[in-house]
Amino acid sequence: MAVKCAAAAAVTALIVLYSHDPQFLFLAGAAAVGLNALALRDLVAPVRLAADRDGLTVATGYAGHRRIGWEEVTTIRVDERRRLLLHTRMLEIETAGGGLHLLSAFDLGSDVHDVADELYRLRARTSR
């Protein structure tokens, strides 16, 4: 969140410095709006996933949350993909109604494998 706020401030400062260039002003303005929107989302809804013995709370939309009971969760898995030089890992939580929630390590603030393991343990404890 701090990086997004710093980047938004830096781009905003560049807008002031280069206000004489209309093309740069347009591009920097679009970048500033996007970065500020992402930073605001992190301030308004910082928790993207929470779990307890009754189920999960996942972030939906820009800053909303949805409560999902463990009985609705059909699959928890980690999807790993390699493309070119990028290696991405996403935590996938699939629900009975066909919903799919994708969370990255950035969203979770932790490694996706560690979060998946903890969700497996928590879910197993509640199903006993």
N, C-alpha and C. Protein backbone atom coordinates (compact mmCIF):
# COMPACT_ATOMS: atom_id res chain seq x y z
N MET A 1 0.83 -1.18 0.00
CA MET A 1 0.00 0.00 0.00
C MET A 1 0.88 1.25 0.00
N ALA A 2 1.96 1.21 0.75
CA ALA A 2 2.85 2.37 0.80
C ALA A 2 3.49 2.64 -0.56
N VAL A 3 3.82 1.57 -1.28
CA VAL A 3 4.42 1.74 -2.61
C VAL A 3 3.42 2.38 -3.57
N LYS A 4 2.15 1.95 -3.49
CA LYS A 4 1.13 2.54 -4.36
C LYS A 4 0.94 4.02 -4.05
N CYS A 5 0.91 4.36 -2.77
CA CYS A 5 0.74 5.77 -2.40
C CYS A 5 1.94 6.60 -2.84
N ALA A 6 3.15 6.04 -2.67
CA ALA A 6 4.35 6.76 -3.10
C ALA A 6 4.39 6.94 -4.61
N ALA A 7 4.01 5.90 -5.34
CA ALA A 7 3.98 5.99 -6.80
C ALA A 7 2.94 7.00 -7.26
N ALA A 8 1.78 7.02 -6.63
CA ALA A 8 0.75 8.00 -6.98
C ALA A 8 1.24 9.42 -6.71
N ALA A 9 1.93 9.62 -5.61
CA ALA A 9 2.47 10.94 -5.29
C ALA A 9 3.54 11.34 -6.30
N ALA A 10 4.39 10.39 -6.68
CA ALA A 10 5.45 10.69 -7.64
C ALA A 10 4.88 11.06 -9.01
N VAL A 11 3.89 10.30 -9.45
CA VAL A 11 3.28 10.60 -10.75
C VAL A 11 2.55 11.95 -10.70
N THR A 12 1.91 12.22 -9.59
CA THR A 12 1.24 13.51 -9.43
C THR A 12 2.26 14.66 -9.46
N ALA A 13 3.41 14.46 -8.85
CA ALA A 13 4.47 15.47 -8.89
C ALA A 13 4.97 15.67 -10.32
N LEU A 14 5.08 14.58 -11.08
CA LEU A 14 5.50 14.69 -12.48
C LEU A 14 4.50 15.47 -13.31
N ILE A 15 3.22 15.33 -12.97
CA ILE A 15 2.19 16.10 -13.68
C ILE A 15 2.43 17.60 -13.49
N VAL A 16 2.76 17.98 -12.28
CA VAL A 16 3.02 19.40 -11.99
C VAL A 16 4.26 19.87 -12.73
N LEU A 17 5.31 19.05 -12.73
CA LEU A 17 6.58 19.44 -13.36
C LEU A 17 6.48 19.52 -14.89
N TYR A 18 5.72 18.64 -15.49
CA TYR A 18 5.63 18.57 -16.95
C TYR A 18 4.25 18.98 -17.46
N SER A 19 3.63 19.95 -16.82
CA SER A 19 2.28 20.36 -17.21
C SER A 19 2.24 21.04 -18.58
N HIS A 20 3.39 21.40 -19.14
CA HIS A 20 3.42 22.04 -20.45
C HIS A 20 3.29 21.04 -21.61
N ASP A 21 3.47 19.75 -21.35
CA ASP A 21 3.41 18.71 -22.39
C ASP A 21 2.05 18.01 -22.32
N PRO A 22 1.14 18.26 -23.27
CA PRO A 22 -0.22 17.70 -23.17
C PRO A 22 -0.27 16.17 -23.25
N GLN A 23 0.58 15.56 -24.07
CA GLN A 23 0.57 14.09 -24.17
C GLN A 23 1.03 13.47 -22.85
N PHE A 24 2.11 13.99 -22.30
CA PHE A 24 2.60 13.48 -21.02
C PHE A 24 1.57 13.73 -19.93
N LEU A 25 0.96 14.88 -19.97
CA LEU A 25 -0.05 15.23 -18.97
C LEU A 25 -1.20 14.23 -18.99
N PHE A 26 -1.65 13.84 -20.17
CA PHE A 26 -2.73 12.86 -20.30
C PHE A 26 -2.32 11.50 -19.75
N LEU A 27 -1.14 11.01 -20.16
CA LEU A 27 -0.69 9.69 -19.70
C LEU A 27 -0.41 9.67 -18.20
N ALA A 28 0.27 10.69 -17.72
CA ALA A 28 0.56 10.75 -16.28
C ALA A 28 -0.72 10.92 -15.48
N GLY A 29 -1.67 11.67 -16.00
CA GLY A 29 -2.95 11.82 -15.32
C GLY A 29 -3.70 10.51 -15.21
N ALA A 30 -3.70 9.73 -16.28
CA ALA A 30 -4.35 8.42 -16.25
C ALA A 30 -3.65 7.49 -15.25
N ALA A 31 -2.33 7.52 -15.24
CA ALA A 31 -1.57 6.69 -14.29
C ALA A 31 -1.85 7.13 -12.85
N ALA A 32 -1.91 8.43 -12.62
CA ALA A 32 -2.17 8.94 -11.27
C ALA A 32 -3.55 8.53 -10.79
N VAL A 33 -4.55 8.62 -11.67
CA VAL A 33 -5.91 8.22 -11.30
C VAL A 33 -5.94 6.73 -10.95
N GLY A 34 -5.31 5.90 -11.78
CA GLY A 34 -5.29 4.46 -11.51
C GLY A 34 -4.58 4.10 -10.23
N LEU A 35 -3.41 4.69 -10.01
CA LEU A 35 -2.66 4.40 -8.78
C LEU A 35 -3.40 4.89 -7.54
N ASN A 36 -4.00 6.06 -7.63
CA ASN A 36 -4.78 6.56 -6.49
C ASN A 36 -5.99 5.68 -6.21
N ALA A 37 -6.63 5.17 -7.25
CA ALA A 37 -7.78 4.28 -7.06
C ALA A 37 -7.36 2.99 -6.37
N LEU A 38 -6.22 2.41 -6.78
CA LEU A 38 -5.72 1.20 -6.14
C LEU A 38 -5.30 1.45 -4.70
N ALA A 39 -4.64 2.57 -4.45
CA ALA A 39 -4.22 2.91 -3.09
C ALA A 39 -5.45 3.12 -2.20
N LEU A 40 -6.47 3.78 -2.73
CA LEU A 40 -7.69 4.00 -1.96
C LEU A 40 -8.38 2.68 -1.63
N ARG A 41 -8.38 1.75 -2.59
CA ARG A 41 -8.99 0.44 -2.33
C ARG A 41 -8.26 -0.26 -1.19
N ASP A 42 -6.93 -0.18 -1.18
CA ASP A 42 -6.17 -0.81 -0.11
C ASP A 42 -6.44 -0.16 1.25
N LEU A 43 -6.75 1.12 1.25
CA LEU A 43 -7.08 1.81 2.50
C LEU A 43 -8.49 1.47 2.97
N VAL A 44 -9.43 1.38 2.03
CA VAL A 44 -10.83 1.12 2.37
C VAL A 44 -11.06 -0.35 2.72
N ALA A 45 -10.46 -1.26 1.96
CA ALA A 45 -10.65 -2.70 2.16
C ALA A 45 -9.30 -3.40 2.18
N PRO A 46 -8.54 -3.25 3.27
CA PRO A 46 -7.19 -3.82 3.28
C PRO A 46 -7.16 -5.35 3.38
N VAL A 47 -8.20 -5.95 3.95
CA VAL A 47 -8.22 -7.40 4.13
C VAL A 47 -8.92 -8.02 2.93
N ARG A 48 -8.19 -8.82 2.15
CA ARG A 48 -8.75 -9.44 0.95
C ARG A 48 -9.31 -10.84 1.24
N LEU A 49 -8.82 -11.49 2.31
CA LEU A 49 -9.30 -12.82 2.69
C LEU A 49 -9.17 -12.98 4.20
N ALA A 50 -10.23 -13.45 4.82
CA ALA A 50 -10.22 -13.77 6.24
C ALA A 50 -10.92 -15.11 6.41
N ALA A 51 -10.41 -15.92 7.32
CA ALA A 51 -10.99 -17.24 7.54
C ALA A 51 -11.16 -17.48 9.03
N ASP A 52 -12.23 -18.18 9.38
CA ASP A 52 -12.45 -18.61 10.75
C ASP A 52 -13.13 -19.97 10.69
N ARG A 53 -13.57 -20.47 11.83
CA ARG A 53 -14.14 -21.82 11.83
C ARG A 53 -15.49 -21.91 11.14
N ASP A 54 -16.15 -20.78 10.90
CA ASP A 54 -17.45 -20.79 10.22
C ASP A 54 -17.34 -20.64 8.71
N GLY A 55 -16.23 -20.13 8.20
CA GLY A 55 -16.08 -19.97 6.77
C GLY A 55 -15.09 -18.88 6.41
N LEU A 56 -15.27 -18.33 5.22
CA LEU A 56 -14.35 -17.34 4.66
C LEU A 56 -15.07 -16.02 4.43
N THR A 57 -14.31 -14.96 4.48
CA THR A 57 -14.78 -13.66 4.02
C THR A 57 -13.81 -13.23 2.94
N VAL A 58 -14.31 -13.04 1.72
CA VAL A 58 -13.45 -12.66 0.59
C VAL A 58 -13.87 -11.29 0.07
N ALA A 59 -12.88 -10.58 -0.45
CA ALA A 59 -13.15 -9.28 -1.04
C ALA A 59 -13.81 -9.49 -2.40
N THR A 60 -14.83 -8.67 -2.68
CA THR A 60 -15.49 -8.72 -3.97
C THR A 60 -15.61 -7.30 -4.51
N GLY A 61 -15.52 -7.18 -5.81
CA GLY A 61 -15.62 -5.87 -6.41
C GLY A 61 -14.50 -4.96 -5.97
N TYR A 62 -14.79 -3.69 -5.92
CA TYR A 62 -13.76 -2.70 -5.57
C TYR A 62 -13.41 -2.76 -4.09
N ALA A 63 -14.41 -2.72 -3.23
CA ALA A 63 -14.13 -2.70 -1.79
C ALA A 63 -15.19 -3.45 -0.98
N GLY A 64 -15.94 -4.35 -1.63
CA GLY A 64 -16.97 -5.11 -0.93
C GLY A 64 -16.42 -6.40 -0.35
N HIS A 65 -17.23 -7.05 0.46
CA HIS A 65 -16.86 -8.34 1.05
C HIS A 65 -18.04 -9.29 0.95
N ARG A 66 -17.71 -10.58 0.86
CA ARG A 66 -18.76 -11.61 0.80
C ARG A 66 -18.39 -12.71 1.79
N ARG A 67 -19.36 -13.13 2.56
CA ARG A 67 -19.16 -14.20 3.52
C ARG A 67 -19.53 -15.53 2.86
N ILE A 68 -18.65 -16.52 2.98
CA ILE A 68 -18.86 -17.84 2.38
C ILE A 68 -18.67 -18.89 3.47
N GLY A 69 -19.69 -19.69 3.70
CA GLY A 69 -19.58 -20.77 4.67
C GLY A 69 -18.72 -21.91 4.11
N TRP A 70 -18.12 -22.69 4.99
CA TRP A 70 -17.27 -23.79 4.53
C TRP A 70 -18.05 -24.78 3.68
N GLU A 71 -19.34 -24.93 3.93
CA GLU A 71 -20.14 -25.88 3.15
C GLU A 71 -20.30 -25.42 1.70
N GLU A 72 -20.12 -24.14 1.44
CA GLU A 72 -20.22 -23.61 0.07
C GLU A 72 -18.91 -23.74 -0.71
N VAL A 73 -17.80 -23.91 0.00
CA VAL A 73 -16.48 -23.98 -0.64
C VAL A 73 -16.30 -25.37 -1.22
N THR A 74 -16.14 -25.45 -2.54
CA THR A 74 -15.95 -26.76 -3.18
C THR A 74 -14.48 -27.09 -3.40
N THR A 75 -13.67 -26.09 -3.72
CA THR A 75 -12.26 -26.35 -4.03
C THR A 75 -11.39 -25.20 -3.56
N ILE A 76 -10.25 -25.57 -2.97
CA ILE A 76 -9.19 -24.60 -2.66
C ILE A 76 -7.93 -25.15 -3.30
N ARG A 77 -7.33 -24.38 -4.19
CA ARG A 77 -6.12 -24.86 -4.86
C ARG A 77 -5.22 -23.68 -5.24
N VAL A 78 -3.97 -24.02 -5.52
CA VAL A 78 -3.01 -23.03 -5.98
C VAL A 78 -2.75 -23.29 -7.46
N ASP A 79 -2.94 -22.27 -8.27
CA ASP A 79 -2.68 -22.37 -9.70
C ASP A 79 -1.34 -21.69 -9.99
N GLU A 80 -0.41 -22.45 -10.55
CA GLU A 80 0.91 -21.91 -10.90
C GLU A 80 1.08 -21.96 -12.40
N ARG A 81 1.58 -20.85 -12.95
CA ARG A 81 1.81 -20.76 -14.39
C ARG A 81 3.13 -20.08 -14.66
N ARG A 82 3.80 -20.59 -15.69
CA ARG A 82 5.04 -19.97 -16.16
C ARG A 82 4.83 -19.51 -17.58
N ARG A 83 5.09 -18.23 -17.80
CA ARG A 83 5.02 -17.66 -19.15
C ARG A 83 6.21 -16.75 -19.30
N LEU A 84 6.97 -17.03 -20.34
CA LEU A 84 8.19 -16.28 -20.59
C LEU A 84 9.04 -16.28 -19.32
N LEU A 85 9.30 -15.14 -18.73
CA LEU A 85 10.12 -15.09 -17.53
C LEU A 85 9.30 -14.91 -16.26
N LEU A 86 7.98 -14.96 -16.38
CA LEU A 86 7.11 -14.75 -15.23
C LEU A 86 6.63 -16.06 -14.65
N HIS A 87 6.58 -16.11 -13.35
CA HIS A 87 6.03 -17.26 -12.64
C HIS A 87 4.94 -16.72 -11.71
N THR A 88 3.70 -17.04 -12.01
CA THR A 88 2.59 -16.54 -11.21
C THR A 88 1.96 -17.66 -10.40
N ARG A 89 1.55 -17.30 -9.20
CA ARG A 89 0.83 -18.23 -8.32
C ARG A 89 -0.42 -17.52 -7.83
N MET A 90 -1.55 -18.19 -7.99
CA MET A 90 -2.82 -17.64 -7.54
C MET A 90 -3.53 -18.66 -6.66
N LEU A 91 -4.10 -18.20 -5.57
CA LEU A 91 -4.96 -19.03 -4.74
C LEU A 91 -6.35 -18.96 -5.34
N GLU A 92 -6.91 -20.12 -5.66
CA GLU A 92 -8.25 -20.20 -6.24
C GLU A 92 -9.19 -20.80 -5.20
N ILE A 93 -10.27 -20.10 -4.96
CA ILE A 93 -11.31 -20.60 -4.06
C ILE A 93 -12.59 -20.67 -4.88
N GLU A 94 -13.05 -21.90 -5.09
CA GLU A 94 -14.25 -22.13 -5.90
C GLU A 94 -15.42 -22.44 -4.98
N THR A 95 -16.57 -21.85 -5.31
CA THR A 95 -17.75 -22.05 -4.47
C THR A 95 -18.84 -22.81 -5.22
N ALA A 96 -19.82 -23.31 -4.47
CA ALA A 96 -20.88 -24.16 -5.03
C ALA A 96 -21.67 -23.46 -6.12
N GLY A 97 -21.89 -22.18 -6.03
CA GLY A 97 -22.67 -21.46 -7.02
C GLY A 97 -21.90 -21.14 -8.29
N GLY A 98 -20.71 -21.69 -8.44
CA GLY A 98 -19.90 -21.42 -9.62
C GLY A 98 -19.01 -20.21 -9.46
N GLY A 99 -18.94 -19.65 -8.26
CA GLY A 99 -18.08 -18.49 -8.03
C GLY A 99 -16.62 -18.90 -7.94
N LEU A 100 -15.76 -18.04 -8.41
CA LEU A 100 -14.32 -18.28 -8.35
C LEU A 100 -13.65 -17.02 -7.83
N HIS A 101 -12.90 -17.17 -6.77
CA HIS A 101 -12.18 -16.05 -6.16
C HIS A 101 -10.69 -16.30 -6.32
N LEU A 102 -10.00 -15.36 -6.97
CA LEU A 102 -8.57 -15.48 -7.23
C LEU A 102 -7.82 -14.47 -6.39
N LEU A 103 -6.82 -14.93 -5.67
CA LEU A 103 -6.04 -14.06 -4.79
C LEU A 103 -4.55 -14.33 -5.01
N SER A 104 -3.79 -13.27 -5.16
CA SER A 104 -2.34 -13.39 -5.35
C SER A 104 -1.63 -13.24 -4.01
N ALA A 105 -0.34 -13.49 -4.01
CA ALA A 105 0.46 -13.29 -2.80
C ALA A 105 0.41 -11.84 -2.37
N PHE A 106 0.33 -10.92 -3.32
CA PHE A 106 0.21 -9.50 -2.99
C PHE A 106 -1.10 -9.24 -2.25
N ASP A 107 -2.19 -9.84 -2.70
CA ASP A 107 -3.48 -9.68 -2.03
C ASP A 107 -3.46 -10.27 -0.62
N LEU A 108 -2.77 -11.38 -0.48
CA LEU A 108 -2.79 -12.11 0.78
C LEU A 108 -1.74 -11.63 1.78
N GLY A 109 -0.67 -11.04 1.27
CA GLY A 109 0.41 -10.61 2.16
C GLY A 109 1.25 -11.78 2.64
N SER A 110 1.14 -12.90 1.98
CA SER A 110 1.86 -14.11 2.35
C SER A 110 1.94 -15.02 1.13
N ASP A 111 2.74 -16.06 1.22
CA ASP A 111 2.86 -17.02 0.12
C ASP A 111 1.53 -17.76 -0.05
N VAL A 112 1.11 -17.94 -1.28
CA VAL A 112 -0.19 -18.58 -1.54
C VAL A 112 -0.22 -20.03 -1.06
N HIS A 113 0.90 -20.74 -1.12
CA HIS A 113 0.94 -22.13 -0.64
C HIS A 113 0.72 -22.17 0.87
N ASP A 114 1.33 -21.24 1.60
CA ASP A 114 1.13 -21.19 3.05
C ASP A 114 -0.33 -20.90 3.41
N VAL A 115 -0.94 -19.97 2.69
CA VAL A 115 -2.35 -19.64 2.94
C VAL A 115 -3.23 -20.83 2.60
N ALA A 116 -2.97 -21.49 1.48
CA ALA A 116 -3.77 -22.67 1.10
C ALA A 116 -3.65 -23.76 2.17
N ASP A 117 -2.43 -24.01 2.65
CA ASP A 117 -2.24 -25.03 3.69
C ASP A 117 -3.02 -24.68 4.96
N GLU A 118 -3.00 -23.41 5.33
CA GLU A 118 -3.73 -22.98 6.52
C GLU A 118 -5.24 -23.12 6.32
N LEU A 119 -5.72 -22.80 5.12
CA LEU A 119 -7.15 -22.97 4.83
C LEU A 119 -7.56 -24.44 4.87
N TYR A 120 -6.68 -25.33 4.34
CA TYR A 120 -6.96 -26.77 4.40
C TYR A 120 -7.09 -27.23 5.86
N ARG A 121 -6.13 -26.78 6.71
CA ARG A 121 -6.16 -27.17 8.12
C ARG A 121 -7.40 -26.64 8.82
N LEU A 122 -7.72 -25.39 8.58
CA LEU A 122 -8.89 -24.78 9.23
C LEU A 122 -10.18 -25.46 8.77
N ARG A 123 -10.26 -25.75 7.50
CA ARG A 123 -11.45 -26.41 6.96
C ARG A 123 -11.59 -27.82 7.51
N ALA A 124 -10.48 -28.54 7.66
CA ALA A 124 -10.52 -29.89 8.20
C ALA A 124 -10.94 -29.89 9.66
N ARG A 125 -10.49 -28.90 10.43
CA ARG A 125 -10.86 -28.80 11.84
C ARG A 125 -12.35 -28.52 12.01
N THR A 126 -12.94 -27.78 11.10
CA THR A 126 -14.35 -27.41 11.24
C THR A 126 -15.28 -28.52 10.73
N SER A 127 -14.77 -29.42 9.90
CA SER A 127 -15.64 -30.47 9.36
C SER A 127 -15.72 -31.68 10.26
N ARG A 128 -15.00 -31.66 11.35
CA ARG A 128 -15.04 -32.81 12.28
C ARG A 128 -16.28 -32.85 13.10
